N, C-alpha and C. Protein backbone atom coordinates (compact mmCIF):
# COMPACT_ATOMS: atom_id res chain seq x y z
N ARG A 1 0.61 -1.10 -0.02
CA ARG A 1 -0.10 -0.09 0.00
C ARG A 1 0.91 1.29 -0.06
N ALA A 2 1.97 1.30 0.83
CA ALA A 2 2.72 2.35 0.73
C ALA A 2 3.35 2.61 -0.67
N THR A 3 3.90 1.90 -1.40
CA THR A 3 4.17 1.98 -2.80
C THR A 3 2.99 2.77 -3.50
N LEU A 4 1.86 2.14 -3.57
CA LEU A 4 0.72 3.06 -4.43
C LEU A 4 0.51 4.24 -3.72
N ASP A 5 0.69 4.52 -2.43
CA ASP A 5 0.42 5.68 -2.01
C ASP A 5 1.52 6.93 -2.49
N ARG A 6 2.74 6.15 -2.70
CA ARG A 6 3.76 7.15 -3.14
C ARG A 6 3.58 7.35 -4.60
N CYS A 7 3.29 6.37 -5.33
CA CYS A 7 2.83 6.57 -6.56
C CYS A 7 2.07 7.94 -7.21
N PHE A 8 0.86 7.65 -6.25
CA PHE A 8 -0.37 8.65 -6.52
C PHE A 8 0.16 9.86 -5.81
N ALA A 9 0.97 10.17 -4.96
CA ALA A 9 1.65 11.33 -4.17
C ALA A 9 2.08 12.45 -5.18
N GLU A 10 2.25 11.84 -6.31
CA GLU A 10 2.87 12.65 -7.38
C GLU A 10 1.78 12.89 -8.40
N GLN A 11 0.84 12.21 -8.39
CA GLN A 11 -0.28 12.44 -9.58
C GLN A 11 -1.41 13.47 -8.97
N ASP A 12 -2.01 13.98 -9.87
CA ASP A 12 -3.13 14.98 -9.57
C ASP A 12 -4.60 14.39 -9.12
N ILE A 13 -4.62 13.09 -9.06
CA ILE A 13 -5.75 12.34 -8.68
C ILE A 13 -5.64 11.32 -7.47
N ALA A 14 -6.60 11.26 -6.54
CA ALA A 14 -6.50 10.42 -5.42
C ALA A 14 -6.68 9.16 -5.88
N ILE A 15 -6.30 7.96 -5.10
CA ILE A 15 -6.42 6.50 -5.44
C ILE A 15 -7.69 6.30 -5.74
N ALA A 16 -8.46 6.76 -4.78
CA ALA A 16 -10.15 6.27 -4.74
C ALA A 16 -10.72 6.73 -6.21
N GLU A 17 -10.40 8.15 -6.64
CA GLU A 17 -10.85 8.77 -7.83
C GLU A 17 -10.36 7.78 -9.12
N ALA A 18 -8.85 7.79 -9.10
CA ALA A 18 -8.61 6.67 -10.09
C ALA A 18 -9.14 5.49 -10.22
N ILE A 19 -9.71 4.72 -9.25
CA ILE A 19 -10.11 3.18 -9.11
C ILE A 19 -11.72 3.69 -9.68
N ARG A 20 -12.40 4.69 -9.23
CA ARG A 20 -13.90 5.06 -9.78
C ARG A 20 -13.79 5.10 -10.99
N ALA A 21 -12.90 6.17 -11.59
CA ALA A 21 -13.07 6.31 -13.23
C ALA A 21 -12.72 5.27 -14.03
N ARG A 22 -11.77 4.41 -13.37
CA ARG A 22 -11.36 2.95 -14.16
C ARG A 22 -12.61 2.03 -14.35
N ARG A 23 -13.29 2.10 -13.22
CA ARG A 23 -14.61 1.04 -13.16
C ARG A 23 -15.89 1.87 -13.87
N LEU A 24 -15.70 2.92 -13.65
CA LEU A 24 -16.76 3.75 -14.52
C LEU A 24 -16.57 3.67 -16.22
N GLY A 25 -15.17 3.64 -16.42
CA GLY A 25 -14.82 3.60 -17.94
C GLY A 25 -15.15 2.18 -18.35
N ARG A 26 -14.72 1.35 -17.50
CA ARG A 26 -15.25 -0.53 -17.98
C ARG A 26 -16.63 -0.42 -18.30
N ALA A 27 -17.35 0.30 -17.30
CA ALA A 27 -18.85 0.11 -17.30
C ALA A 27 -19.46 0.81 -18.72
N ARG A 28 -18.79 1.92 -19.08
CA ARG A 28 -19.28 2.40 -20.36
C ARG A 28 -18.94 1.81 -21.52
N ASP A 29 -17.99 1.20 -21.44
CA ASP A 29 -17.52 0.26 -22.64
C ASP A 29 -18.36 -1.16 -22.59
N MET A 30 -18.54 -1.54 -21.52
CA MET A 30 -19.52 -2.73 -21.21
C MET A 30 -21.07 -2.34 -21.93
N LEU A 31 -21.44 -1.21 -21.46
CA LEU A 31 -22.66 -0.64 -21.91
C LEU A 31 -22.78 -0.59 -23.56
N ALA A 32 -21.55 -0.09 -23.94
CA ALA A 32 -21.66 0.08 -25.55
C ALA A 32 -21.91 -1.09 -26.23
N ARG A 33 -21.11 -2.25 -25.64
CA ARG A 33 -20.92 -3.70 -26.37
C ARG A 33 -22.05 -4.47 -25.98
N ALA A 34 -22.65 -4.43 -24.91
CA ALA A 34 -23.54 -5.52 -24.49
C ALA A 34 -24.96 -5.23 -25.06
N PRO A 35 -25.39 -6.56 -25.30
CA PRO A 35 -27.07 -6.40 -25.90
C PRO A 35 -27.91 -5.88 -24.87
N ARG A 36 -29.09 -5.39 -25.62
CA ARG A 36 -29.91 -4.50 -24.64
C ARG A 36 -30.59 -5.47 -23.60
N SER A 37 -30.78 -6.69 -23.85
CA SER A 37 -31.13 -7.94 -23.03
C SER A 37 -30.21 -8.04 -21.86
N VAL A 38 -29.18 -7.32 -21.57
CA VAL A 38 -28.35 -7.48 -20.26
C VAL A 38 -28.67 -6.13 -19.78
N PRO A 39 -29.23 -6.37 -18.49
CA PRO A 39 -29.76 -5.18 -17.66
C PRO A 39 -28.60 -4.33 -17.30
N ILE A 40 -28.66 -3.26 -17.00
CA ILE A 40 -27.78 -2.18 -16.69
C ILE A 40 -27.08 -2.62 -15.33
N ALA A 41 -28.12 -3.01 -14.41
CA ALA A 41 -27.80 -3.38 -13.08
C ALA A 41 -26.82 -4.54 -12.97
N ASP A 42 -27.03 -5.46 -13.96
CA ASP A 42 -25.85 -6.55 -14.11
C ASP A 42 -24.50 -5.98 -14.62
N ILE A 43 -24.48 -5.11 -15.38
CA ILE A 43 -23.25 -4.43 -15.78
C ILE A 43 -22.71 -3.62 -14.53
N ALA A 44 -23.78 -2.91 -14.04
CA ALA A 44 -23.04 -2.28 -12.80
C ALA A 44 -22.35 -3.09 -11.78
N MET A 45 -23.20 -4.31 -11.55
CA MET A 45 -22.51 -5.14 -10.49
C MET A 45 -21.36 -5.88 -10.90
N ARG A 46 -21.19 -6.09 -12.35
CA ARG A 46 -19.64 -6.79 -12.87
C ARG A 46 -18.79 -5.90 -12.75
N CYS A 47 -19.12 -4.31 -12.60
CA CYS A 47 -18.00 -3.31 -12.50
C CYS A 47 -17.78 -3.08 -10.94
N GLY A 48 -18.29 -3.71 -9.99
CA GLY A 48 -18.19 -3.58 -8.53
C GLY A 48 -19.16 -2.48 -7.75
N TYR A 49 -20.54 -2.04 -8.57
CA TYR A 49 -21.42 -1.30 -8.06
C TYR A 49 -22.66 -2.16 -7.77
N LEU A 50 -22.99 -2.39 -6.28
CA LEU A 50 -23.81 -3.34 -6.08
C LEU A 50 -25.28 -2.42 -5.97
N ASP A 51 -25.22 -1.35 -5.93
CA ASP A 51 -26.39 -0.28 -5.79
C ASP A 51 -26.78 0.59 -7.14
N PRO A 52 -27.70 -0.02 -8.01
CA PRO A 52 -27.69 0.59 -9.23
C PRO A 52 -27.92 1.90 -9.15
N ALA A 53 -28.78 2.60 -8.27
CA ALA A 53 -29.04 4.19 -8.04
C ALA A 53 -27.67 4.77 -8.01
N HIS A 54 -26.94 4.16 -7.02
CA HIS A 54 -25.66 4.99 -6.87
C HIS A 54 -24.80 5.05 -8.11
N PHE A 55 -24.74 3.79 -8.72
CA PHE A 55 -23.89 3.75 -9.93
C PHE A 55 -24.53 4.55 -10.99
N SER A 56 -25.90 4.92 -11.12
CA SER A 56 -26.25 5.82 -12.21
C SER A 56 -26.07 7.13 -11.96
N ARG A 57 -25.99 7.37 -10.67
CA ARG A 57 -25.60 8.77 -10.17
C ARG A 57 -24.05 9.23 -10.55
N LEU A 58 -22.96 8.19 -10.09
CA LEU A 58 -21.73 8.48 -10.55
C LEU A 58 -21.68 8.53 -11.91
N PHE A 59 -22.08 7.59 -12.64
CA PHE A 59 -21.87 7.58 -14.04
C PHE A 59 -22.43 8.93 -14.77
N ARG A 60 -23.64 9.36 -14.34
CA ARG A 60 -24.07 10.66 -14.91
C ARG A 60 -23.20 11.66 -14.53
N GLN A 61 -22.62 11.68 -13.27
CA GLN A 61 -21.74 12.57 -12.95
C GLN A 61 -20.38 12.63 -13.66
N GLU A 62 -19.84 11.36 -14.10
CA GLU A 62 -18.53 11.28 -14.67
C GLU A 62 -18.71 11.80 -16.36
N PHE A 63 -19.81 11.33 -16.81
CA PHE A 63 -19.97 11.32 -18.24
C PHE A 63 -21.10 12.06 -18.74
N GLY A 64 -21.70 12.85 -17.84
CA GLY A 64 -22.78 13.68 -18.17
C GLY A 64 -24.07 13.33 -18.93
N VAL A 65 -24.01 11.73 -18.97
CA VAL A 65 -25.49 11.09 -19.59
C VAL A 65 -25.45 10.00 -18.47
N SER A 66 -26.96 9.62 -18.57
CA SER A 66 -27.15 8.33 -17.76
C SER A 66 -26.87 7.10 -18.53
N PRO A 67 -26.69 6.01 -17.85
CA PRO A 67 -26.23 4.70 -18.37
C PRO A 67 -27.28 4.28 -19.54
N THR A 68 -28.49 4.53 -19.28
CA THR A 68 -29.47 4.14 -20.32
C THR A 68 -29.12 5.01 -21.60
N ASP A 69 -28.75 6.11 -21.46
CA ASP A 69 -28.42 7.00 -22.74
C ASP A 69 -27.03 6.76 -23.36
N ALA A 70 -26.22 5.98 -22.52
CA ALA A 70 -24.89 5.66 -22.95
C ALA A 70 -25.00 4.43 -23.77
N ARG A 71 -25.79 3.72 -23.54
CA ARG A 71 -26.18 2.27 -24.33
C ARG A 71 -25.95 2.51 -25.91
N GLY A 72 -25.15 1.60 -26.19
CA GLY A 72 -24.92 1.66 -27.93
C GLY A 72 -25.96 0.83 -28.50
């Protein structure tokens, strides 16, 4: 953990923010590729979000659109 802290000390982003951005980016990619038959809640869960409402709020905050609108 100390090594990770040192790596991020030089960055302009906190560890938790980097992890959240990575998980949300993965979710966005999955939403674009997954068939519409796959529920958004399942995609959220696969990316580590157990609460679909929380996932939707974070997704909209990060990308400016809802997960439904981001679907391909």
